[in-house]
Amino acid sequence: MPASPIKVTSHVGRDLLASAASFKNEATVVWEYVANSLQYFDPTGAPRVLVDIRPKRKEIVISDNGLGMDQVGLNRFFQMHGENRDRLAGRPGRGKFGTGKSAAFGIGTLLRVDTRRAGLRNVVALSRAAIDGSSGDEIPVEWLVRNEATTEPSGTTVTISGIVLPRIESASVIEYIERHLKAFRGFGPEVAVNEHVCVYREPSISAEYTFQPPEKISAAIGEVKLTVQVSQAPLSETDQGVCITAGAGNMVAIERAGMERKEFGSYLLGTVDVPALESSNSPIQPYDSSRSLMLNPQHPVALALISFIGAKLEEVRLKLVADSRERRKTEQARRLASEANKIADILNADFKNIQQRLETIRAASVPGGAPARAGDADAGGTDGDQWVSGTATPGETAVGAKEVSRGSGSQRPAPIVPTSGTPKKDGDNPVDPSGGRGTRKKPSGGFKVEFRNLGKDEGRSLYDPNALEILINLDNAVVAAALGDGAVENPQFRRLAYEIAFTEYALALGWETTKADPELPANDLLYEVRRSLNRIAIAAAALYRE
């Protein structure tokens, strides 16, 4: 008797829930449907999307004026791992992995799709109960309305109900949408969350550079144009890096190439459109279905693109470092640096004292002792060439070593410390130079304070958590007025600078505390900020008498 053939099978319900697990919060779920609406809109008008968040009803509704779906389109929408009709017709865009039907179940128990197209309305619903109760071969989707004649314009309304989150954060949804709208700026999108109209806020740009890849790289990624911009002020983590699209509006990744760990790396952003990511015949996918916004370096196009972006970001970054060093050579810059160092000494003395008390407690309570924390870096000096875990160059990282990630203590979590490594042609783990080739100066440990020209639209100061740096904005109207004709020793300017730095330091400690403990009561946070301000003011009394 011949053996029965072996077949690859799948449990569709488990597949769907595994896909849903990639969507862990309301912001990523809502953006999945908003982005689909922005990508597949009626080209005769501008895309409009309304997000209605209803916390009391544990419900979110996303409505658009897009193309809508007919019965055939709905069948494709609910097909696992199926591509939409636009992609099948050769028009690049989202919908490659077919995650739209699963995203809702990352946070909810019911998905309802009400869609109108060509004068016909269809309404369907999929529940978590139907998914859990399915045989594995298929999941029944309930038809509520089928091909009903309607005079309503084309469009789709997605309702996510039975949301299981303890609370629905409208602010996080707004912030996430606004940060990702940059990929759709060319379409003139209009997106509102409840009464708030979302707008992508362009940072103030001090410089812009364009690059085209050399012939060897362009053979893999195509004749693309990379635009790198320099922000006047440090950017938040999600605004940093190069936005990579594979066709208009199809943002697939954001590449930082490890710049966020380096001086001025948090000032860099950019864009590049690489259709070759979609047209490559490689069996390896250039990115995955999790919306992680990370390229897969095992894909040949992605690897070449990462290398190209990393090299150009580093080129711009090194120019910023060189320009900064030149500015510091002026007499006023030297005087400002002297004042900044005095302030930093006060802050780091306070910070070190706090850390020592915390480390004593941790050492007694954590087996094996506590890991190194922020501010524990080696003293300034010189060091030879060093390589660390990265993205661009084949190599090997230290065996058994792990990257030190942000901790969960009540004070400043440790910065990310990359694993040491060495370049190796056939290595399995990519590495990058830790801070440039040749002999380089080690960064000093602890907080840094600098006076910078951050632009008139920025506030008095900024805190850059990646660099542990407090920046006092010389362009701010109040600071500029106090500095006057450039007399750094002016008591009015010095006292203002101290007050700004001390306030930013206290707020930075408070901000880091809330990151470690999001449930910290407001009264406790206010107490910590006030206590830090008082402590620093007492320690700095001598500065005011100079």
Protein backbone atom coordinates (compact mmCIF):
# COMPACT_ATOMS: atom_id res chain seq x y z
CA MET A 1 0.00 0.00 0.00
CA PRO A 2 1.58 3.33 -1.06
CA ALA A 3 2.27 5.81 1.72
CA SER A 4 -0.08 8.77 1.87
CA PRO A 5 1.52 12.04 0.73
CA ILE A 6 2.78 14.46 3.38
CA LYS A 7 1.32 17.93 3.11
CA VAL A 8 2.15 21.26 4.70
CA THR A 9 -0.94 22.38 6.57
CA SER A 10 -1.85 25.33 8.75
CA HIS A 11 -4.40 26.24 11.39
CA VAL A 12 -5.86 29.47 10.06
CA GLY A 13 -7.12 30.62 13.45
CA ARG A 14 -3.71 30.27 15.06
CA ASP A 15 -2.11 31.97 12.05
CA LEU A 16 -4.42 34.94 12.42
CA LEU A 17 -3.82 35.30 16.15
CA ALA A 18 -0.05 34.94 15.65
CA SER A 19 -0.22 37.83 13.17
CA ALA A 20 -2.37 39.83 15.61
CA ALA A 21 0.29 39.45 18.31
CA SER A 22 2.49 41.88 16.34
CA PHE A 23 0.04 44.68 17.18
CA LYS A 24 0.52 45.28 20.88
CA ASN A 25 -1.18 48.63 21.49
CA GLU A 26 -3.90 50.91 20.21
CA ALA A 27 -1.48 53.17 18.32
CA THR A 28 -0.05 50.45 16.05
CA VAL A 29 -3.50 48.93 15.48
CA VAL A 30 -5.13 52.22 14.50
CA TRP A 31 -2.21 53.16 12.25
CA GLU A 32 -2.57 49.87 10.34
CA TYR A 33 -6.06 50.87 9.19
CA VAL A 34 -5.27 54.58 8.79
CA ALA A 35 -2.26 53.79 6.60
CA ASN A 36 -4.34 51.45 4.44
CA SER A 37 -6.89 54.24 4.00
CA LEU A 38 -4.16 56.70 3.00
CA GLN A 39 -2.57 54.25 0.57
CA TYR A 40 -5.73 53.17 -1.23
CA PHE A 41 -7.74 56.34 -1.65
CA ASP A 42 -9.79 57.72 -4.52
CA PRO A 43 -7.22 59.57 -6.70
CA THR A 44 -9.84 62.19 -7.66
CA GLY A 45 -9.61 63.71 -4.17
CA ALA A 46 -7.44 63.94 -1.06
CA PRO A 47 -7.58 61.07 1.45
CA ARG A 48 -9.57 61.82 4.60
CA VAL A 49 -9.66 59.60 7.66
CA LEU A 50 -11.56 60.05 10.92
CA VAL A 51 -10.57 58.07 14.02
CA ASP A 52 -13.28 58.05 16.68
CA ILE A 53 -11.97 56.72 20.01
CA ARG A 54 -14.73 55.76 22.46
CA PRO A 55 -13.11 54.72 25.76
CA LYS A 56 -16.34 54.12 27.68
CA ARG A 57 -17.62 51.76 24.99
CA LYS A 58 -14.18 50.09 24.60
CA GLU A 59 -14.41 50.82 20.89
CA ILE A 60 -12.43 52.52 18.10
CA VAL A 61 -13.95 53.46 14.73
CA ILE A 62 -11.83 54.36 11.67
CA SER A 63 -13.72 55.86 8.70
CA ASP A 64 -12.34 56.91 5.31
CA ASN A 65 -13.39 58.26 1.91
CA GLY A 66 -11.36 55.67 0.01
CA LEU A 67 -12.21 53.32 -2.83
CA GLY A 68 -14.17 50.90 -0.67
CA MET A 69 -14.52 47.16 -1.34
CA ASP A 70 -17.00 45.03 -3.20
CA GLN A 71 -17.71 41.38 -2.44
CA VAL A 72 -14.62 40.22 -4.30
CA GLY A 73 -12.49 42.79 -2.46
CA LEU A 74 -13.82 41.61 0.91
CA ASN A 75 -12.94 38.02 0.05
CA ARG A 76 -9.37 39.13 -0.66
CA PHE A 77 -9.30 41.23 2.54
CA PHE A 78 -10.08 38.16 4.66
CA GLN A 79 -7.69 35.85 2.82
CA MET A 80 -4.73 34.97 5.04
CA HIS A 81 -1.42 36.19 3.60
CA GLY A 82 -3.20 37.43 0.49
CA GLU A 83 -2.10 40.54 -1.43
CA ASN A 84 -4.60 43.24 -2.35
CA ARG A 85 -5.66 44.00 -5.91
CA ASP A 86 -3.43 47.08 -6.29
CA ARG A 87 -0.27 45.14 -5.45
CA LEU A 88 -1.34 42.26 -7.68
CA ALA A 89 -1.76 44.80 -10.50
CA GLY A 90 1.86 45.89 -10.02
CA ARG A 91 1.24 49.10 -8.05
CA PRO A 92 3.57 49.07 -4.97
CA GLY A 93 1.92 49.70 -1.65
CA ARG A 94 0.93 48.19 1.65
CA GLY A 95 -1.04 44.96 1.85
CA LYS A 96 1.88 42.64 1.10
CA PHE A 97 1.29 40.44 4.14
CA GLY A 98 -2.48 40.86 4.51
CA THR A 99 -2.41 41.86 8.18
CA GLY A 100 -5.47 44.13 8.08
CA LYS A 101 -7.90 41.45 9.18
CA SER A 102 -5.73 40.46 12.16
CA ALA A 103 -4.55 43.82 13.60
CA ALA A 104 -7.83 44.45 15.45
CA PHE A 105 -7.41 41.25 17.46
CA GLY A 106 -4.19 42.54 18.96
CA ILE A 107 -6.36 44.62 21.29
CA GLY A 108 -10.00 43.70 20.66
CA THR A 109 -12.50 40.86 20.27
CA LEU A 110 -14.65 42.01 17.33
CA LEU A 111 -13.86 43.48 13.90
CA ARG A 112 -16.69 45.01 11.86
CA VAL A 113 -16.12 46.25 8.29
CA ASP A 114 -18.76 48.48 6.68
CA THR A 115 -17.71 49.30 3.10
CA ARG A 116 -19.31 51.03 0.09
CA ARG A 117 -18.19 50.75 -3.52
CA ALA A 118 -19.93 51.59 -6.82
CA GLY A 119 -23.29 52.16 -5.12
CA LEU A 120 -23.31 48.90 -3.17
CA ARG A 121 -22.87 48.49 0.59
CA ASN A 122 -21.52 45.40 2.33
CA VAL A 123 -21.09 44.87 6.07
CA VAL A 124 -19.28 41.90 7.61
CA ALA A 125 -18.06 40.98 11.09
CA LEU A 126 -15.39 38.66 12.50
CA SER A 127 -15.27 37.81 16.20
CA ARG A 128 -12.61 36.35 18.47
CA ALA A 129 -15.12 33.66 19.42
CA ALA A 130 -15.37 32.60 15.76
CA ILE A 131 -11.57 32.47 15.52
CA ASP A 132 -11.21 30.39 18.69
CA GLY A 133 -14.03 28.05 17.63
CA SER A 134 -12.84 27.48 14.08
CA SER A 135 -11.86 24.04 12.81
CA GLY A 136 -8.52 25.35 11.59
CA ASP A 137 -9.30 25.08 7.90
CA GLU A 138 -11.34 28.28 7.76
CA ILE A 139 -13.01 30.92 9.93
CA PRO A 140 -16.60 31.94 9.22
CA VAL A 141 -17.10 35.68 8.63
CA GLU A 142 -20.63 36.89 9.33
CA TRP A 143 -22.43 38.80 6.55
CA LEU A 144 -24.58 41.53 8.09
CA VAL A 145 -25.42 43.38 4.86
CA ARG A 146 -24.81 42.01 1.36
CA ASN A 147 -24.82 44.15 -1.80
CA GLU A 148 -27.35 46.65 -0.50
CA ALA A 149 -27.98 49.62 -2.82
CA THR A 150 -26.75 52.88 -1.30
CA THR A 151 -26.35 56.52 -2.22
CA GLU A 152 -23.50 56.97 0.27
CA PRO A 153 -20.10 57.79 -1.25
CA SER A 154 -17.47 55.07 -1.51
CA GLY A 155 -15.41 54.43 1.58
CA THR A 156 -14.84 52.03 4.45
CA THR A 157 -15.59 52.15 8.18
CA VAL A 158 -13.70 49.73 10.42
CA THR A 159 -14.97 49.23 13.97
CA ILE A 160 -12.86 47.51 16.62
CA SER A 161 -14.96 46.51 19.64
CA GLY A 162 -14.44 44.64 22.89
CA ILE A 163 -11.07 46.29 23.45
CA VAL A 164 -9.31 44.56 26.34
CA LEU A 165 -6.80 47.29 27.18
CA PRO A 166 -7.17 48.76 30.69
CA ARG A 167 -7.49 52.18 29.06
CA ILE A 168 -7.33 53.58 25.53
CA GLU A 169 -4.73 56.34 25.15
CA SER A 170 -5.86 58.90 22.55
CA ALA A 171 -2.61 60.85 22.97
CA SER A 172 -0.44 57.89 21.97
CA VAL A 173 -2.59 57.29 18.87
CA ILE A 174 -2.28 60.96 17.84
CA GLU A 175 1.47 61.01 18.40
CA TYR A 176 2.00 57.80 16.43
CA ILE A 177 -0.07 58.99 13.48
CA GLU A 178 1.62 62.39 13.35
CA ARG A 179 5.08 60.85 13.34
CA HIS A 180 4.23 58.48 10.49
CA LEU A 181 2.36 60.92 8.27
CA LYS A 182 5.63 62.05 6.69
CA ALA A 183 5.51 59.08 4.29
CA PHE A 184 2.21 60.37 2.87
CA ARG A 185 2.91 64.11 2.67
CA GLY A 186 2.71 64.08 -1.12
CA PHE A 187 -0.95 63.03 -1.00
CA GLY A 188 -2.17 65.91 1.19
CA PRO A 189 -3.82 63.59 3.74
CA GLU A 190 -6.29 64.79 6.34
CA VAL A 191 -6.49 62.66 9.48
CA ALA A 192 -8.40 63.53 12.63
CA VAL A 193 -8.51 61.69 15.96
CA ASN A 194 -11.71 62.75 17.70
CA GLU A 195 -11.47 66.58 17.60
CA HIS A 196 -7.72 66.72 16.97
CA VAL A 197 -6.45 67.22 13.40
CA CYS A 198 -3.17 65.33 13.00
CA VAL A 199 -0.32 67.20 11.35
CA TYR A 200 3.21 66.00 10.69
CA ARG A 201 5.43 68.66 12.22
CA GLU A 202 8.55 69.19 10.20
CA PRO A 203 11.57 69.79 12.43
CA SER A 204 13.62 72.94 11.85
CA ILE A 205 16.28 71.92 9.35
CA SER A 206 19.73 73.53 9.38
CA ALA A 207 21.21 71.64 6.42
CA GLU A 208 20.25 69.16 3.71
CA TYR A 209 22.38 66.80 1.62
CA THR A 210 21.52 64.51 -1.29
CA PHE A 211 23.44 61.40 -2.28
CA GLN A 212 23.32 58.89 -5.11
CA PRO A 213 24.81 55.42 -4.70
CA PRO A 214 28.02 54.39 -6.46
CA GLU A 215 27.71 52.04 -9.42
CA LYS A 216 28.26 48.87 -7.40
CA ILE A 217 25.55 49.78 -4.87
CA SER A 218 23.11 51.11 -7.48
CA ALA A 219 23.26 47.76 -9.25
CA ALA A 220 21.48 46.33 -6.21
CA ILE A 221 19.24 49.16 -4.99
CA GLY A 222 18.68 51.10 -8.22
CA GLU A 223 19.32 54.73 -9.16
CA VAL A 224 17.84 56.12 -5.95
CA LYS A 225 18.28 59.51 -4.30
CA LEU A 226 19.01 59.63 -0.59
CA THR A 227 18.17 62.88 1.19
CA VAL A 228 19.78 63.44 4.60
CA GLN A 229 18.67 66.39 6.70
CA VAL A 230 20.17 67.90 9.84
CA SER A 231 17.77 69.08 12.49
CA GLN A 232 18.62 72.16 14.50
CA ALA A 233 17.74 70.32 17.70
CA PRO A 234 17.96 66.67 18.81
CA LEU A 235 15.06 64.59 17.56
CA SER A 236 12.91 62.15 19.48
CA GLU A 237 13.85 58.54 18.86
CA THR A 238 10.96 57.91 16.45
CA ASP A 239 11.84 60.98 14.34
CA GLN A 240 15.47 59.96 13.86
CA GLY A 241 16.79 58.05 10.88
CA VAL A 242 16.04 57.64 7.20
CA CYS A 243 12.45 56.90 6.19
CA ILE A 244 12.54 54.15 3.55
CA THR A 245 9.65 53.71 1.14
CA ALA A 246 9.11 51.15 -1.59
CA GLY A 247 6.70 53.14 -3.71
CA ALA A 248 4.73 56.27 -2.83
CA GLY A 249 3.33 56.11 0.70
CA ASN A 250 4.57 52.55 1.28
CA MET A 251 6.89 53.15 4.24
CA VAL A 252 8.63 49.87 5.03
CA ALA A 253 11.48 50.84 7.38
CA ILE A 254 13.32 53.53 9.28
CA GLU A 255 17.09 53.06 9.25
CA ARG A 256 19.34 54.73 11.84
CA ALA A 257 22.44 52.61 11.18
CA GLY A 258 23.50 52.92 14.81
CA MET A 259 23.81 56.72 14.62
CA GLU A 260 21.64 57.23 17.70
CA ARG A 261 24.57 56.00 19.80
CA LYS A 262 26.98 58.58 18.43
CA GLU A 263 27.57 62.30 18.83
CA PHE A 264 25.06 64.31 16.75
CA GLY A 265 23.43 61.08 15.58
CA SER A 266 20.10 62.18 17.07
CA TYR A 267 20.08 65.21 14.73
CA LEU A 268 19.88 63.17 11.53
CA LEU A 269 16.81 62.25 9.47
CA GLY A 270 16.09 61.65 5.82
CA THR A 271 14.16 59.87 3.07
CA VAL A 272 14.85 57.43 0.26
CA ASP A 273 12.48 55.59 -2.09
CA VAL A 274 13.70 52.12 -3.13
CA PRO A 275 11.23 50.25 -5.37
CA ALA A 276 13.86 47.50 -5.79
CA LEU A 277 12.94 46.25 -2.31
CA GLU A 278 9.67 45.03 -3.84
CA SER A 279 10.94 43.92 -7.25
CA SER A 280 13.89 41.79 -6.15
CA ASN A 281 13.61 38.07 -7.02
CA SER A 282 15.31 37.01 -3.78
CA PRO A 283 13.34 34.34 -1.85
CA ILE A 284 14.21 36.23 1.36
CA GLN A 285 11.81 38.98 2.38
CA PRO A 286 13.36 42.48 2.78
CA TYR A 287 11.15 43.14 5.83
CA ASP A 288 8.58 41.19 7.81
CA SER A 289 4.86 41.45 8.54
CA SER A 290 5.28 42.77 12.09
CA ARG A 291 5.48 46.45 11.03
CA SER A 292 8.74 46.63 13.01
CA LEU A 293 10.06 49.16 10.46
CA MET A 294 13.34 47.24 10.28
CA LEU A 295 15.02 45.93 7.14
CA ASN A 296 16.26 42.36 6.94
CA PRO A 297 20.05 42.54 6.35
CA GLN A 298 19.96 39.01 4.92
CA HIS A 299 18.11 40.38 1.87
CA PRO A 300 20.62 41.51 -0.82
CA VAL A 301 18.86 44.81 -1.60
CA ALA A 302 18.30 45.59 2.08
CA LEU A 303 21.95 44.83 2.93
CA ALA A 304 23.26 47.14 0.20
CA LEU A 305 20.80 49.84 1.23
CA ILE A 306 21.76 49.65 4.91
CA SER A 307 25.43 49.96 3.99
CA PHE A 308 24.76 52.97 1.72
CA ILE A 309 22.59 54.78 4.27
CA GLY A 310 24.99 54.05 7.13
CA ALA A 311 27.99 55.41 5.20
CA LYS A 312 26.21 58.65 4.24
CA LEU A 313 24.74 59.25 7.69
CA GLU A 314 28.22 58.82 9.15
CA GLU A 315 29.65 61.22 6.56
CA VAL A 316 27.17 63.93 7.54
CA ARG A 317 27.60 63.20 11.25
CA LEU A 318 31.37 63.57 11.08
CA LYS A 319 30.92 66.91 9.33
CA LEU A 320 28.69 68.06 12.19
CA VAL A 321 31.31 66.94 14.71
CA ALA A 322 34.06 68.82 12.84
CA ASP A 323 31.92 71.96 12.55
CA SER A 324 31.13 71.80 16.27
CA ARG A 325 34.82 71.59 17.13
CA GLU A 326 35.54 74.62 14.98
CA ARG A 327 32.84 76.64 16.71
CA ARG A 328 34.31 75.76 20.09
CA LYS A 329 37.57 77.43 19.13
CA THR A 330 36.07 80.93 19.32
CA GLU A 331 36.59 82.97 22.49
CA GLN A 332 32.88 83.15 23.28
CA ALA A 333 32.49 79.41 22.69
CA ARG A 334 35.34 78.70 25.12
CA ARG A 335 33.71 80.86 27.77
CA LEU A 336 30.34 79.20 27.22
CA ALA A 337 31.99 75.78 27.46
CA SER A 338 33.59 76.81 30.74
CA GLU A 339 30.21 77.79 32.18
CA ALA A 340 28.66 74.59 30.85
CA ASN A 341 31.38 72.51 32.52
CA LYS A 342 30.76 74.21 35.87
CA ILE A 343 27.07 73.37 35.61
CA ALA A 344 27.79 69.78 34.53
CA ASP A 345 30.12 69.28 37.51
CA ILE A 346 27.29 70.22 39.89
CA LEU A 347 24.81 67.94 38.13
CA ASN A 348 27.14 64.96 37.98
CA ALA A 349 28.16 65.29 41.63
CA ASP A 350 24.48 65.10 42.52
CA PHE A 351 23.81 62.29 40.06
CA LYS A 352 26.77 60.24 41.28
CA ASN A 353 25.63 60.58 44.87
CA ILE A 354 22.17 59.35 43.94
CA GLN A 355 23.61 56.43 41.99
CA GLN A 356 25.93 55.32 44.76
CA ARG A 357 23.00 55.02 47.15
CA LEU A 358 20.98 53.10 44.57
CA GLU A 359 23.82 50.77 43.66
CA THR A 360 24.36 49.87 47.32
CA ILE A 361 20.72 48.83 47.54
CA ARG A 362 20.82 46.96 44.21
CA ALA A 363 24.05 45.14 45.09
CA ALA A 364 22.39 43.80 48.21
CA SER A 365 19.18 42.75 46.46
CA VAL A 366 20.27 41.61 42.97
CA PRO A 367 22.16 38.27 42.70
CA GLY A 368 25.61 38.84 41.25
CA GLY A 369 25.53 42.56 41.90
CA ALA A 370 24.01 45.37 39.87
CA PRO A 371 25.00 46.16 36.29
CA ALA A 372 26.76 49.38 35.41
CA ARG A 373 24.49 52.39 35.16
CA ALA A 374 24.51 55.66 33.24
CA GLY A 375 27.37 57.92 34.21
CA ASP A 376 29.72 55.04 35.01
CA ALA A 377 31.71 55.40 31.79
CA ASP A 378 35.50 55.50 31.82
CA ALA A 379 37.18 58.82 32.35
CA GLY A 380 38.14 60.87 29.32
CA GLY A 381 41.21 59.75 27.44
CA THR A 382 42.20 58.12 24.19
CA ASP A 383 41.42 54.74 22.78
CA GLY A 384 42.39 52.84 19.65
CA ASP A 385 40.13 51.43 16.97
CA GLN A 386 37.08 49.69 18.42
CA TRP A 387 34.17 47.84 16.81
CA VAL A 388 30.76 47.12 18.29
CA SER A 389 27.61 45.25 17.26
CA GLY A 390 26.05 47.14 14.37
CA THR A 391 24.53 46.83 10.92
CA ALA A 392 26.95 47.36 8.04
CA THR A 393 30.17 45.29 8.19
CA PRO A 394 30.33 41.46 8.47
CA GLY A 395 31.99 40.42 11.71
CA GLU A 396 31.74 38.62 15.04
CA THR A 397 30.62 39.93 18.42
CA ALA A 398 31.98 38.85 21.78
CA VAL A 399 30.95 35.30 22.62
CA GLY A 400 28.30 35.17 25.29
CA ALA A 401 28.18 38.94 25.63
CA LYS A 402 24.89 40.76 25.89
CA GLU A 403 24.00 44.36 25.26
CA VAL A 404 23.21 46.30 28.40
CA SER A 405 19.71 47.67 27.96
CA ARG A 406 17.72 50.25 29.88
CA GLY A 407 17.04 49.14 33.41
CA SER A 408 13.95 49.47 35.54
CA GLY A 409 15.23 51.34 38.56
CA SER A 410 13.67 54.51 39.86
CA GLN A 411 16.52 56.67 38.52
CA ARG A 412 18.03 57.12 35.06
CA PRO A 413 18.12 53.76 33.21
CA ALA A 414 21.42 52.68 31.73
CA PRO A 415 22.12 53.72 28.16
CA ILE A 416 22.39 51.00 25.56
CA VAL A 417 25.97 49.76 25.57
CA PRO A 418 26.74 47.81 22.37
CA THR A 419 28.54 44.48 22.46
CA SER A 420 32.19 44.61 21.42
CA GLY A 421 33.14 42.92 18.17
CA THR A 422 35.65 42.56 15.37
CA PRO A 423 35.25 42.79 11.57
CA LYS A 424 35.41 39.41 9.83
CA LYS A 425 34.71 38.75 6.15
CA ASP A 426 32.62 35.62 6.74
CA GLY A 427 31.25 36.70 10.12
CA ASP A 428 27.61 36.10 11.07
CA ASN A 429 27.07 39.22 13.20
CA PRO A 430 27.36 42.68 11.62
CA VAL A 431 29.56 45.28 13.36
CA ASP A 432 30.28 49.01 13.06
CA PRO A 433 33.18 51.25 14.15
CA SER A 434 32.34 52.41 17.65
CA GLY A 435 33.12 56.04 16.94
CA GLY A 436 35.36 56.42 13.91
CA ARG A 437 38.73 55.02 12.91
CA GLY A 438 42.07 55.96 14.37
CA THR A 439 42.83 57.19 17.83
CA ARG A 440 39.79 58.85 19.30
CA LYS A 441 38.89 60.60 22.50
CA LYS A 442 36.70 58.71 24.94
CA PRO A 443 33.54 60.46 26.07
CA SER A 444 33.46 61.54 29.68
CA GLY A 445 30.91 59.81 31.90
CA GLY A 446 27.73 61.42 33.21
CA PHE A 447 25.64 64.37 32.10
CA LYS A 448 26.91 66.93 29.64
CA VAL A 449 25.76 70.54 29.32
CA GLU A 450 26.21 72.55 26.14
CA PHE A 451 25.09 75.88 24.73
CA ARG A 452 23.77 75.41 21.20
CA ASN A 453 21.90 77.38 18.53
CA LEU A 454 18.76 75.25 18.30
CA GLY A 455 16.51 77.73 16.49
CA LYS A 456 14.10 80.47 17.55
CA ASP A 457 11.11 78.11 17.52
CA GLU A 458 12.61 75.76 20.12
CA GLY A 459 12.27 76.26 23.86
CA ARG A 460 14.91 77.41 26.32
CA SER A 461 16.46 73.96 26.57
CA LEU A 462 16.26 70.36 25.48
CA TYR A 463 17.26 67.07 27.07
CA ASP A 464 18.81 64.47 24.76
CA PRO A 465 18.45 61.13 26.59
CA ASN A 466 20.68 59.20 24.16
CA ALA A 467 23.63 61.49 24.85
CA LEU A 468 22.77 62.31 28.49
CA GLU A 469 23.01 65.91 27.34
CA ILE A 470 21.25 69.11 28.39
CA LEU A 471 21.25 71.72 25.64
CA ILE A 472 20.66 75.42 26.40
CA ASN A 473 19.25 77.18 23.35
CA LEU A 474 21.16 80.40 22.56
CA ASP A 475 18.51 81.28 19.93
CA ASN A 476 15.66 81.35 22.43
CA ALA A 477 14.42 84.94 22.88
CA VAL A 478 14.95 85.02 26.66
CA VAL A 479 18.41 83.47 26.52
CA ALA A 480 19.51 85.68 23.62
CA ALA A 481 18.32 88.81 25.46
CA ALA A 482 20.24 87.81 28.60
CA LEU A 483 23.43 87.14 26.62
CA GLY A 484 23.12 90.53 24.94
CA ASP A 485 26.31 91.50 23.14
CA GLY A 486 28.02 88.25 24.05
CA ALA A 487 29.22 88.90 27.61
CA VAL A 488 29.13 85.34 28.97
CA GLU A 489 30.22 86.58 32.43
CA ASN A 490 27.11 88.77 32.69
CA PRO A 491 25.49 87.71 36.03
CA GLN A 492 22.02 87.91 34.51
CA PHE A 493 22.95 85.46 31.75
CA ARG A 494 24.83 83.09 34.05
CA ARG A 495 22.00 82.91 36.57
CA LEU A 496 19.47 82.29 33.83
CA ALA A 497 21.67 79.54 32.39
CA TYR A 498 21.98 77.87 35.80
CA GLU A 499 18.24 78.03 36.39
CA ILE A 500 17.50 76.56 32.95
CA ALA A 501 20.00 73.72 33.31
CA PHE A 502 18.95 72.82 36.85
CA THR A 503 15.28 72.78 35.88
CA GLU A 504 15.97 70.62 32.82
CA TYR A 505 18.02 68.23 34.95
CA ALA A 506 15.25 67.85 37.51
CA LEU A 507 12.69 67.30 34.75
CA ALA A 508 15.00 64.80 33.04
CA LEU A 509 15.26 62.75 36.23
CA GLY A 510 11.48 62.91 36.56
CA TRP A 511 10.98 61.88 32.94
CA GLU A 512 13.31 58.91 33.29
CA THR A 513 11.53 57.91 36.50
CA THR A 514 8.14 57.84 34.78
CA LYS A 515 9.61 55.75 31.95
CA ALA A 516 10.69 53.17 34.51
CA ASP A 517 7.42 53.45 36.47
CA PRO A 518 4.54 54.68 34.24
CA GLU A 519 2.10 54.28 37.13
CA LEU A 520 3.96 56.78 39.35
CA PRO A 521 1.34 59.11 40.89
CA ALA A 522 1.52 62.74 39.79
CA ASN A 523 2.04 63.94 43.36
CA ASP A 524 5.04 61.65 43.78
CA LEU A 525 6.54 62.84 40.50
CA LEU A 526 6.07 66.49 41.49
CA TYR A 527 7.73 65.77 44.84
CA GLU A 528 10.75 64.17 43.12
CA VAL A 529 11.17 67.09 40.72
CA ARG A 530 10.95 69.68 43.52
CA ARG A 531 13.37 67.72 45.70
CA SER A 532 15.91 67.54 42.85
CA LEU A 533 15.59 71.30 42.22
CA ASN A 534 16.13 72.14 45.87
CA ARG A 535 19.08 69.77 46.18
CA ILE A 536 20.81 71.21 43.10
CA ALA A 537 20.12 74.82 44.09
CA ILE A 538 21.80 74.29 47.47
CA ALA A 539 24.80 72.56 45.88
CA ALA A 540 25.19 75.37 43.32
CA ALA A 541 25.00 78.29 45.74
CA ALA A 542 28.73 78.98 45.25
CA LEU A 543 28.24 79.52 41.51
CA TYR A 544 25.82 82.36 42.13
CA ARG A 545 28.37 84.18 44.29
CA GLU A 546 31.11 84.13 41.64
